[in-house]
Amino acid sequence: MKKALLATALLALAPMPATAATYELAPTPQTVAWGHYDASSKPVLTVRSGDTVVVHTLLTNSPAGLAKAGVAPSDIEPALKAVFDGVPQSERGPGGHILTGPIAIEGAEIGDTLEVRILKIDLAIPYAYNAFRYGAGFLTDDFPYARMKIIPLDRQAMMARFGPGIDIPLHPFFGSMGVAPPAAFGRYDSAPPTINGGNMDDKALVAGTTLFLPVHAPGALFQVGDGHAGQGNGEVDITALETSLTGTFQFILHKGEKSTYPRAETPTHYIAMGFDDDLSNATRKALRNMIDFLVATKGMTRDDAYMLISVAGDVEVTELVDRNKGVHVMLAKNLFTRRP
């Protein structure tokens, strides 16, 4: 795909079969939401159910911060410079993520479910960064200072060259994918994940995965950003392999299929999520969400669903550092076999 970003940020490409269309959305000062999800935001693009959008995103850092850490000026994206220069302070925050969107899905209403098929994720730049600072992360008292490290990304080998003799396989995913929260939330901070999805930091949400989000506002208003080339569960120092990514998403609207919480499916697993500022409560939410899913879709009793998770499910800490902790429960699809 050509890397040139469009001045208008939108480009209609050749239509797909059955009237579905493909669009391209670039990050500009007019097409990003800086640090928030908000039901009152105006969409920068409106599509129909079945359409696909190729979305370019920007890493969450400043041109000055990258240059100070050693990135050559020629390697800092012009789009990042334009966004930092062009988005007024009044439109920034309360969080720090630069999110592309929002994208409205025609006909989406409160009580629907939006299916987001993650078709493809491409690295946009040949480097990532990892950083920690005092007051953020999980071991704040152990590291009462700040450090930032630039990590080269080998796109041919799909490896991060962390240091001499340390190579990390790349599994790109978006730390933040979500829709607008309920209007009562107002301008919601992009950092803590909640019922709208958002900054879930779930490393299982790679290409080939499908995300299901409850619709809380007309149009759904999908936003995406916080690109990660890879991450460990927990994201303990508050950042992953932070980088810019290009994602290809197909949106499918499920009318009247009310859901209360984000969930996902990989080719091999079902995923239920839970977010809360208390890790135990986040775990309870994830377990209950998986139990509800099994009762609704597999016809199981709550007792059997609870037992199945205990004997065959995996409860994993998604992230620990965004005020709301994240927990997800993974259950293999191949457990559900046909009987003779």
Protein backbone atom coordinates (compact mmCIF):
# COMPACT_ATOMS: atom_id res chain seq x y z
CA MET A 1 0.00 0.00 0.00
CA LYS A 2 1.29 3.47 -0.78
CA LYS A 3 2.47 5.31 2.29
CA ALA A 4 1.42 8.76 1.16
CA LEU A 5 -1.23 10.13 3.49
CA LEU A 6 -4.11 11.94 1.88
CA ALA A 7 -4.77 15.56 2.59
CA THR A 8 -8.43 14.83 3.06
CA ALA A 9 -7.65 11.70 5.09
CA LEU A 10 -10.33 9.72 3.25
CA LEU A 11 -10.03 7.73 0.06
CA ALA A 12 -12.71 5.51 -1.46
CA LEU A 13 -11.16 2.54 -3.23
CA ALA A 14 -12.65 -0.01 -5.60
CA PRO A 15 -15.94 -1.38 -4.23
CA MET A 16 -15.99 -4.89 -2.87
CA PRO A 17 -18.55 -7.42 -4.05
CA ALA A 18 -22.13 -7.17 -2.74
CA THR A 19 -21.86 -3.35 -2.65
CA ALA A 20 -19.36 -3.36 0.22
CA ALA A 21 -16.74 -0.63 -0.06
CA THR A 22 -13.19 -0.11 1.18
CA TYR A 23 -11.99 3.22 2.55
CA GLU A 24 -8.68 4.60 3.77
CA LEU A 25 -8.37 6.86 6.78
CA ALA A 26 -5.19 8.76 7.58
CA PRO A 27 -4.33 10.59 10.82
CA THR A 28 -4.51 14.37 10.49
CA PRO A 29 -5.37 17.10 12.98
CA GLN A 30 -8.98 16.77 11.75
CA THR A 31 -9.23 12.96 11.95
CA VAL A 32 -7.81 12.06 15.34
CA ALA A 33 -9.27 12.00 18.85
CA TRP A 34 -6.48 12.91 21.25
CA GLY A 35 -6.83 11.07 24.54
CA HIS A 36 -10.55 10.43 24.71
CA TYR A 37 -13.64 8.53 23.66
CA ASP A 38 -16.80 10.65 23.57
CA ALA A 39 -20.39 9.99 22.48
CA SER A 40 -20.66 13.63 21.34
CA SER A 41 -17.72 13.40 18.92
CA LYS A 42 -18.45 14.01 15.25
CA PRO A 43 -17.50 11.11 12.98
CA VAL A 44 -14.69 11.70 10.50
CA LEU A 45 -15.95 8.86 8.29
CA THR A 46 -19.28 7.04 8.00
CA VAL A 47 -19.46 3.55 6.53
CA ARG A 48 -22.05 0.81 6.15
CA SER A 49 -22.13 -2.60 7.72
CA GLY A 50 -19.87 -4.87 5.65
CA ASP A 51 -17.50 -2.08 4.63
CA THR A 52 -13.75 -2.21 5.23
CA VAL A 53 -11.51 0.63 6.38
CA VAL A 54 -7.72 0.77 6.20
CA VAL A 55 -6.77 2.91 9.19
CA HIS A 56 -3.37 4.53 9.70
CA THR A 57 -2.44 5.22 13.32
CA LEU A 58 0.29 7.07 15.18
CA LEU A 59 2.36 6.02 18.16
CA THR A 60 1.76 7.78 21.45
CA ASN A 61 4.78 10.03 21.73
CA SER A 62 5.91 13.44 20.57
CA PRO A 63 8.37 14.30 17.80
CA ALA A 64 10.51 16.02 20.44
CA GLY A 65 10.43 12.97 22.70
CA LEU A 66 11.44 10.65 19.88
CA ALA A 67 14.25 12.95 18.78
CA LYS A 68 15.56 13.20 22.35
CA ALA A 69 15.63 9.39 22.53
CA GLY A 70 17.73 9.19 19.38
CA VAL A 71 15.30 8.86 16.46
CA ALA A 72 16.63 10.66 13.39
CA PRO A 73 14.46 13.60 12.27
CA SER A 74 13.93 11.92 8.90
CA ASP A 75 12.48 8.86 10.67
CA ILE A 76 9.82 10.83 12.55
CA GLU A 77 6.54 10.62 10.67
CA PRO A 78 5.34 13.86 9.03
CA ALA A 79 1.80 12.97 10.12
CA LEU A 80 2.91 12.90 13.78
CA LYS A 81 4.47 16.34 13.42
CA ALA A 82 1.30 17.65 11.74
CA VAL A 83 -0.94 16.32 14.50
CA PHE A 84 1.23 17.77 17.27
CA ASP A 85 1.30 21.12 15.51
CA GLY A 86 -2.35 21.12 14.44
CA VAL A 87 -4.46 19.77 17.32
CA PRO A 88 -5.26 22.58 19.78
CA GLN A 89 -4.69 22.03 23.49
CA SER A 90 -8.42 22.30 24.14
CA GLU A 91 -9.00 19.18 22.04
CA ARG A 92 -6.38 17.09 23.85
CA GLY A 93 -6.92 14.81 26.82
CA PRO A 94 -7.70 13.81 29.40
CA GLY A 95 -5.61 10.82 28.20
CA GLY A 96 -2.55 10.78 25.98
CA HIS A 97 -3.35 8.32 23.18
CA ILE A 98 -3.65 9.60 19.62
CA LEU A 99 -6.61 7.66 18.20
CA THR A 100 -7.70 7.71 14.58
CA GLY A 101 -11.43 8.26 14.19
CA PRO A 102 -14.19 8.16 15.14
CA ILE A 103 -15.69 6.02 12.39
CA ALA A 104 -19.49 5.83 12.40
CA ILE A 105 -21.33 2.74 11.20
CA GLU A 106 -24.57 3.70 9.49
CA GLY A 107 -27.62 2.50 11.40
CA ALA A 108 -25.79 1.58 14.61
CA GLU A 109 -27.94 2.29 17.64
CA ILE A 110 -27.74 1.85 21.39
CA GLY A 111 -28.36 -1.81 22.14
CA ASP A 112 -26.70 -3.14 18.98
CA THR A 113 -23.37 -4.98 18.82
CA LEU A 114 -20.52 -4.00 16.51
CA GLU A 115 -18.37 -6.81 15.16
CA VAL A 116 -14.88 -5.63 14.22
CA ARG A 117 -12.96 -8.09 12.06
CA ILE A 118 -9.23 -7.38 12.30
CA LEU A 119 -8.20 -8.45 8.82
CA LYS A 120 -4.62 -7.20 8.70
CA ILE A 121 -2.08 -5.25 10.75
CA ASP A 122 1.06 -3.79 9.18
CA LEU A 123 4.07 -2.10 10.75
CA ALA A 124 4.24 1.51 9.60
CA ILE A 125 7.73 2.46 10.83
CA PRO A 126 10.95 0.49 11.48
CA TYR A 127 11.22 1.18 15.20
CA ALA A 128 9.32 1.06 18.47
CA TYR A 129 9.96 2.53 21.86
CA ASN A 130 9.52 1.37 25.43
CA ALA A 131 9.54 3.79 28.32
CA PHE A 132 8.77 4.13 31.98
CA ARG A 133 8.53 7.13 34.28
CA TYR A 134 8.17 7.73 37.99
CA GLY A 135 4.55 7.59 39.10
CA ALA A 136 3.46 5.26 36.30
CA GLY A 137 3.86 1.55 35.76
CA PHE A 138 3.62 -1.17 38.40
CA LEU A 139 6.95 -0.86 40.25
CA THR A 140 6.99 2.89 40.67
CA ASP A 141 9.01 2.87 43.89
CA ASP A 142 11.64 0.58 42.39
CA PHE A 143 12.23 2.89 39.43
CA PRO A 144 11.87 6.50 40.68
CA TYR A 145 13.11 8.02 37.43
CA ALA A 146 12.34 7.96 33.69
CA ARG A 147 13.94 6.05 30.84
CA MET A 148 13.06 5.57 27.18
CA LYS A 149 14.57 3.02 24.79
CA ILE A 150 14.31 2.96 20.99
CA ILE A 151 14.05 -0.59 19.69
CA PRO A 152 14.67 -1.38 15.99
CA LEU A 153 12.05 -3.51 14.26
CA ASP A 154 13.19 -6.00 11.63
CA ARG A 155 10.17 -6.21 9.33
CA GLN A 156 11.67 -8.98 7.21
CA ALA A 157 12.32 -11.28 10.14
CA MET A 158 9.39 -9.86 12.19
CA MET A 159 11.66 -9.46 15.19
CA ALA A 160 12.40 -6.61 17.58
CA ARG A 161 16.13 -6.21 18.20
CA PHE A 162 15.84 -5.40 21.92
CA GLY A 163 19.55 -5.69 22.63
CA PRO A 164 22.62 -7.83 21.99
CA GLY A 165 21.47 -11.42 21.95
CA ILE A 166 17.83 -10.52 22.75
CA ASP A 167 15.32 -10.74 19.89
CA ILE A 168 11.57 -10.50 20.44
CA PRO A 169 9.08 -12.01 17.95
CA LEU A 170 6.64 -9.39 16.67
CA HIS A 171 2.89 -9.84 17.08
CA PRO A 172 1.40 -6.45 16.15
CA PHE A 173 -1.89 -5.40 17.70
CA PHE A 174 -3.69 -2.24 18.70
CA GLY A 175 -3.66 -1.44 22.40
CA SER A 176 -6.75 0.70 22.02
CA MET A 177 -9.83 -0.25 20.00
CA GLY A 178 -13.21 0.93 21.14
CA VAL A 179 -16.47 2.69 20.55
CA ALA A 180 -17.96 5.70 22.29
CA PRO A 181 -19.04 5.08 25.88
CA PRO A 182 -22.51 6.09 27.08
CA ALA A 183 -23.19 9.83 26.80
CA ALA A 184 -23.22 10.13 30.59
CA PHE A 185 -19.48 9.33 30.63
CA GLY A 186 -18.72 12.61 28.85
CA ARG A 187 -15.22 12.92 27.41
CA TYR A 188 -13.83 9.64 28.73
CA ASP A 189 -10.09 9.26 29.39
CA SER A 190 -8.44 7.00 26.81
CA ALA A 191 -6.27 5.29 29.44
CA PRO A 192 -8.56 3.05 31.58
CA PRO A 193 -10.47 0.41 29.57
CA THR A 194 -14.15 -0.07 30.34
CA ILE A 195 -17.44 -1.24 28.82
CA ASN A 196 -16.69 0.46 25.49
CA GLY A 197 -13.39 -1.38 25.03
CA GLY A 198 -10.73 1.26 24.56
CA ASN A 199 -7.25 0.77 26.00
CA MET A 200 -7.62 -2.99 26.55
CA ASP A 201 -3.96 -3.78 25.78
CA ASP A 202 -4.88 -7.39 25.00
CA LYS A 203 -2.04 -8.97 23.02
CA ALA A 204 -4.41 -11.67 21.69
CA LEU A 205 -6.18 -9.11 19.46
CA VAL A 206 -3.89 -9.64 16.48
CA ALA A 207 -4.84 -9.95 12.80
CA GLY A 208 -7.38 -12.72 12.32
CA THR A 209 -9.16 -11.91 15.57
CA THR A 210 -12.71 -10.58 15.82
CA LEU A 211 -13.74 -8.07 18.47
CA PHE A 212 -17.35 -7.60 19.58
CA LEU A 213 -18.24 -4.23 21.15
CA PRO A 214 -21.55 -3.11 22.65
CA VAL A 215 -22.93 0.04 20.99
CA HIS A 216 -23.53 2.88 23.45
CA ALA A 217 -24.06 5.80 21.07
CA PRO A 218 -25.58 6.39 17.61
CA GLY A 219 -23.11 5.31 14.93
CA ALA A 220 -21.02 3.37 17.47
CA LEU A 221 -18.07 5.75 16.81
CA PHE A 222 -15.12 3.37 16.54
CA GLN A 223 -11.60 4.64 17.25
CA VAL A 224 -8.24 2.87 17.15
CA GLY A 225 -4.63 3.57 18.04
CA ASP A 226 -1.88 2.84 20.56
CA GLY A 227 -0.10 0.49 18.18
CA HIS A 228 2.04 -2.25 19.71
CA ALA A 229 4.51 -4.38 17.79
CA GLY A 230 4.39 -6.76 20.73
CA GLN A 231 3.70 -6.82 24.46
CA GLY A 232 3.91 -9.04 27.51
CA ASN A 233 0.79 -9.74 29.54
CA GLY A 234 0.60 -7.10 32.26
CA GLU A 235 2.46 -4.37 30.32
CA VAL A 236 4.15 -3.81 33.66
CA ASP A 237 6.24 -0.67 32.98
CA ILE A 238 3.20 1.03 31.30
CA THR A 239 4.37 0.69 27.68
CA ALA A 240 4.79 -2.12 25.18
CA LEU A 241 6.72 -2.08 21.90
CA GLU A 242 5.03 1.22 21.06
CA THR A 243 4.88 1.96 17.34
CA SER A 244 2.71 3.18 14.49
CA LEU A 245 0.53 0.59 12.75
CA THR A 246 -1.83 0.36 9.82
CA GLY A 247 -4.90 -1.78 10.43
CA THR A 248 -7.48 -3.15 8.03
CA PHE A 249 -10.88 -3.59 9.66
CA GLN A 250 -14.24 -4.85 8.45
CA PHE A 251 -17.30 -3.70 10.38
CA ILE A 252 -20.40 -5.86 10.76
CA LEU A 253 -23.42 -4.46 12.61
CA HIS A 254 -25.62 -6.84 14.61
CA LYS A 255 -28.96 -5.11 15.12
CA GLY A 256 -30.67 -5.67 18.44
CA GLU A 257 -28.01 -8.09 19.69
CA LYS A 258 -27.50 -6.35 23.00
CA SER A 259 -24.23 -7.08 24.75
CA THR A 260 -22.95 -5.63 27.98
CA TYR A 261 -19.20 -6.04 27.65
CA PRO A 262 -16.48 -6.38 25.00
CA ARG A 263 -15.50 -9.90 24.01
CA ALA A 264 -13.38 -11.41 21.25
CA GLU A 265 -12.72 -14.54 19.24
CA THR A 266 -9.46 -15.73 17.77
CA PRO A 267 -9.40 -18.57 15.23
CA THR A 268 -8.81 -20.92 18.18
CA HIS A 269 -10.24 -19.30 21.32
CA TYR A 270 -13.15 -17.42 22.85
CA ILE A 271 -12.11 -14.44 24.98
CA ALA A 272 -14.11 -12.77 27.76
CA MET A 273 -12.85 -9.59 29.41
CA GLY A 274 -13.11 -7.78 32.72
CA PHE A 275 -11.89 -4.29 33.69
CA ASP A 276 -11.82 -2.74 37.15
CA ASP A 277 -9.48 -0.73 39.34
CA ASP A 278 -9.40 -3.77 41.63
CA LEU A 279 -7.71 -6.80 40.08
CA SER A 280 -9.96 -9.24 41.93
CA ASN A 281 -13.08 -7.46 40.68
CA ALA A 282 -11.69 -7.42 37.14
CA THR A 283 -11.23 -11.19 37.41
CA ARG A 284 -14.77 -11.67 38.68
CA LYS A 285 -16.12 -9.65 35.76
CA ALA A 286 -14.15 -11.67 33.20
CA LEU A 287 -15.29 -14.97 34.70
CA ARG A 288 -18.92 -13.89 34.84
CA ASN A 289 -18.75 -12.62 31.27
CA MET A 290 -17.41 -15.97 30.06
CA ILE A 291 -20.09 -17.82 32.02
CA ASP A 292 -22.79 -15.62 30.49
CA PHE A 293 -21.35 -16.27 27.03
CA LEU A 294 -21.32 -20.05 27.51
CA VAL A 295 -24.88 -20.09 28.84
CA ALA A 296 -26.15 -17.92 25.97
CA THR A 297 -24.26 -19.51 23.06
CA LYS A 298 -23.52 -23.07 24.14
CA GLY A 299 -26.67 -23.85 26.12
CA MET A 300 -24.68 -24.69 29.24
CA THR A 301 -25.87 -24.33 32.80
CA ARG A 302 -24.05 -21.76 34.90
CA ASP A 303 -22.71 -24.56 37.10
CA ASP A 304 -21.19 -26.43 34.15
CA ALA A 305 -19.83 -23.23 32.61
CA TYR A 306 -18.08 -22.34 35.86
CA MET A 307 -16.64 -25.83 36.10
CA LEU A 308 -15.47 -25.83 32.47
CA ILE A 309 -13.54 -22.61 32.95
CA SER A 310 -11.85 -24.08 36.01
CA VAL A 311 -10.73 -27.27 34.28
CA ALA A 312 -9.99 -25.94 30.77
CA GLY A 313 -9.93 -22.14 30.70
CA ASP A 314 -7.02 -19.77 31.17
CA VAL A 315 -7.39 -16.63 33.29
CA GLU A 316 -4.72 -14.11 32.31
CA VAL A 317 -3.79 -10.61 33.44
CA THR A 318 -4.05 -8.38 30.39
CA GLU A 319 -2.61 -5.23 31.90
CA LEU A 320 -1.94 -3.76 35.35
CA VAL A 321 -1.03 -0.15 34.70
CA ASP A 322 -3.98 1.84 33.32
CA ARG A 323 -5.90 2.43 36.57
CA ASN A 324 -8.52 -0.10 35.49
CA LYS A 325 -6.74 -3.45 35.50
CA GLY A 326 -7.55 -5.89 32.71
CA VAL A 327 -8.19 -9.62 32.97
CA HIS A 328 -9.26 -11.96 30.19
CA VAL A 329 -10.45 -15.54 30.17
CA MET A 330 -9.50 -17.69 27.19
CA LEU A 331 -11.35 -20.89 26.32
CA ALA A 332 -10.34 -23.13 23.40
CA LYS A 333 -12.96 -23.58 20.69
CA ASN A 334 -11.93 -27.18 20.09
CA LEU A 335 -13.39 -28.14 23.47
CA PHE A 336 -16.79 -28.07 21.81
CA THR A 337 -16.84 -31.17 19.67
CA ARG A 338 -19.66 -32.96 17.86
CA ARG A 339 -20.92 -36.10 19.57
CA PRO A 340 -21.38 -39.27 17.50
